[in-house]
């Protein structure tokens, strides 16, 4: 099997598609290990996810797929610290 990393940088519909693809891959066990790293605009979009995108993100978070955010998260944007890690 293969180990895969999704680096999600987009903050628009492409992010929703990446979350859907990642969730389906985890559910169907397509990869031995799949991790997701959020960078740039995708980090801000995480704070406003709704609907199916939010459900996919919650599923991935619950399954330990979401690794981390790699950029400072600004205070006042829903973050309580300057660096956010989902682990």
Protein backbone atom coordinates (compact mmCIF):
# COMPACT_ATOMS: atom_id res chain seq x y z
CA UNK A 1 0.00 0.00 0.00
CA UNK A 2 0.93 3.62 -0.43
CA UNK A 3 1.35 6.48 2.04
CA UNK A 4 -0.11 9.81 0.86
CA UNK A 5 -0.02 13.45 1.98
CA UNK A 6 -2.64 15.95 0.86
CA UNK A 7 -1.30 19.51 1.01
CA UNK A 8 -4.41 21.68 0.78
CA UNK A 9 -3.69 25.31 -0.04
CA UNK A 10 -6.84 26.46 -1.81
CA UNK A 11 -9.53 28.36 0.05
CA UNK A 12 -12.39 27.81 -2.42
CA UNK A 13 -14.40 24.91 -3.89
CA UNK A 14 -11.19 23.03 -4.69
CA UNK A 15 -10.71 22.62 -0.95
CA UNK A 16 -14.18 21.08 -0.64
CA UNK A 17 -13.31 18.62 -3.41
CA UNK A 18 -10.01 17.73 -1.73
CA UNK A 19 -11.82 17.09 1.58
CA UNK A 20 -14.38 14.89 -0.20
CA UNK A 21 -11.65 12.92 -1.98
CA UNK A 22 -9.67 12.48 1.23
CA UNK A 23 -12.74 11.38 3.23
CA UNK A 24 -13.70 8.84 0.55
CA UNK A 25 -10.13 7.55 0.44
CA UNK A 26 -10.08 7.03 4.21
CA UNK A 27 -13.54 5.42 4.24
CA UNK A 28 -12.55 3.01 1.45
CA UNK A 29 -9.05 2.41 2.84
CA UNK A 30 -7.40 3.26 -0.47
CA UNK A 31 -4.10 4.13 1.18
CA UNK A 32 -2.05 2.64 3.99
CA UNK A 33 -1.65 6.05 5.56
CA UNK A 34 -3.16 9.38 4.54
CA UNK A 35 -2.36 12.71 6.20
CA UNK A 36 -3.62 16.19 5.42
CA UNK A 37 -1.72 19.43 5.93
CA UNK A 38 -3.46 22.78 5.56
CA UNK A 39 -1.47 25.78 4.35
CA UNK A 40 -2.35 29.35 3.41
CA UNK A 41 -5.94 30.28 2.46
CA UNK A 42 -7.27 26.85 3.40
CA UNK A 43 -6.54 27.58 7.06
CA UNK A 44 -8.87 30.56 7.13
CA UNK A 45 -11.53 28.61 5.22
CA UNK A 46 -11.47 25.92 7.92
CA UNK A 47 -13.04 28.41 10.30
CA UNK A 48 -16.08 28.82 8.03
CA UNK A 49 -16.76 25.30 6.74
CA UNK A 50 -20.42 24.34 6.37
CA UNK A 51 -22.48 21.40 5.18
CA UNK A 52 -20.79 18.41 3.58
CA UNK A 53 -17.34 20.02 3.68
CA UNK A 54 -17.66 20.39 7.47
CA UNK A 55 -18.84 16.78 7.82
CA UNK A 56 -15.88 15.56 5.73
CA UNK A 57 -13.45 17.60 7.82
CA UNK A 58 -14.94 16.29 11.09
CA UNK A 59 -14.71 12.72 9.78
CA UNK A 60 -11.06 13.20 8.79
CA UNK A 61 -10.25 14.85 12.11
CA UNK A 62 -11.91 12.02 14.04
CA UNK A 63 -9.92 9.42 12.10
CA UNK A 64 -6.57 11.08 12.77
CA UNK A 65 -6.00 12.09 9.17
CA UNK A 66 -5.66 15.84 9.74
CA UNK A 67 -2.02 16.37 10.67
CA UNK A 68 -1.56 20.09 11.20
CA UNK A 69 -1.72 23.64 10.05
CA UNK A 70 1.69 25.00 9.13
CA UNK A 71 1.14 28.75 9.31
CA UNK A 72 0.38 30.99 12.26
CA UNK A 73 -3.34 31.33 12.90
CA UNK A 74 -4.17 34.98 13.65
CA UNK A 75 -5.76 35.73 16.99
CA UNK A 76 -9.28 37.01 16.66
CA UNK A 77 -10.04 34.60 13.81
CA UNK A 78 -11.42 31.90 16.08
CA UNK A 79 -8.03 30.74 17.32
CA UNK A 80 -6.96 30.83 20.94
CA UNK A 81 -3.23 30.48 20.25
CA UNK A 82 -0.94 31.79 17.54
CA UNK A 83 -0.07 28.28 16.30
CA UNK A 84 -2.69 25.61 15.75
CA UNK A 85 -2.09 21.89 15.56
CA UNK A 86 -4.94 19.39 15.28
CA UNK A 87 -2.95 16.68 17.06
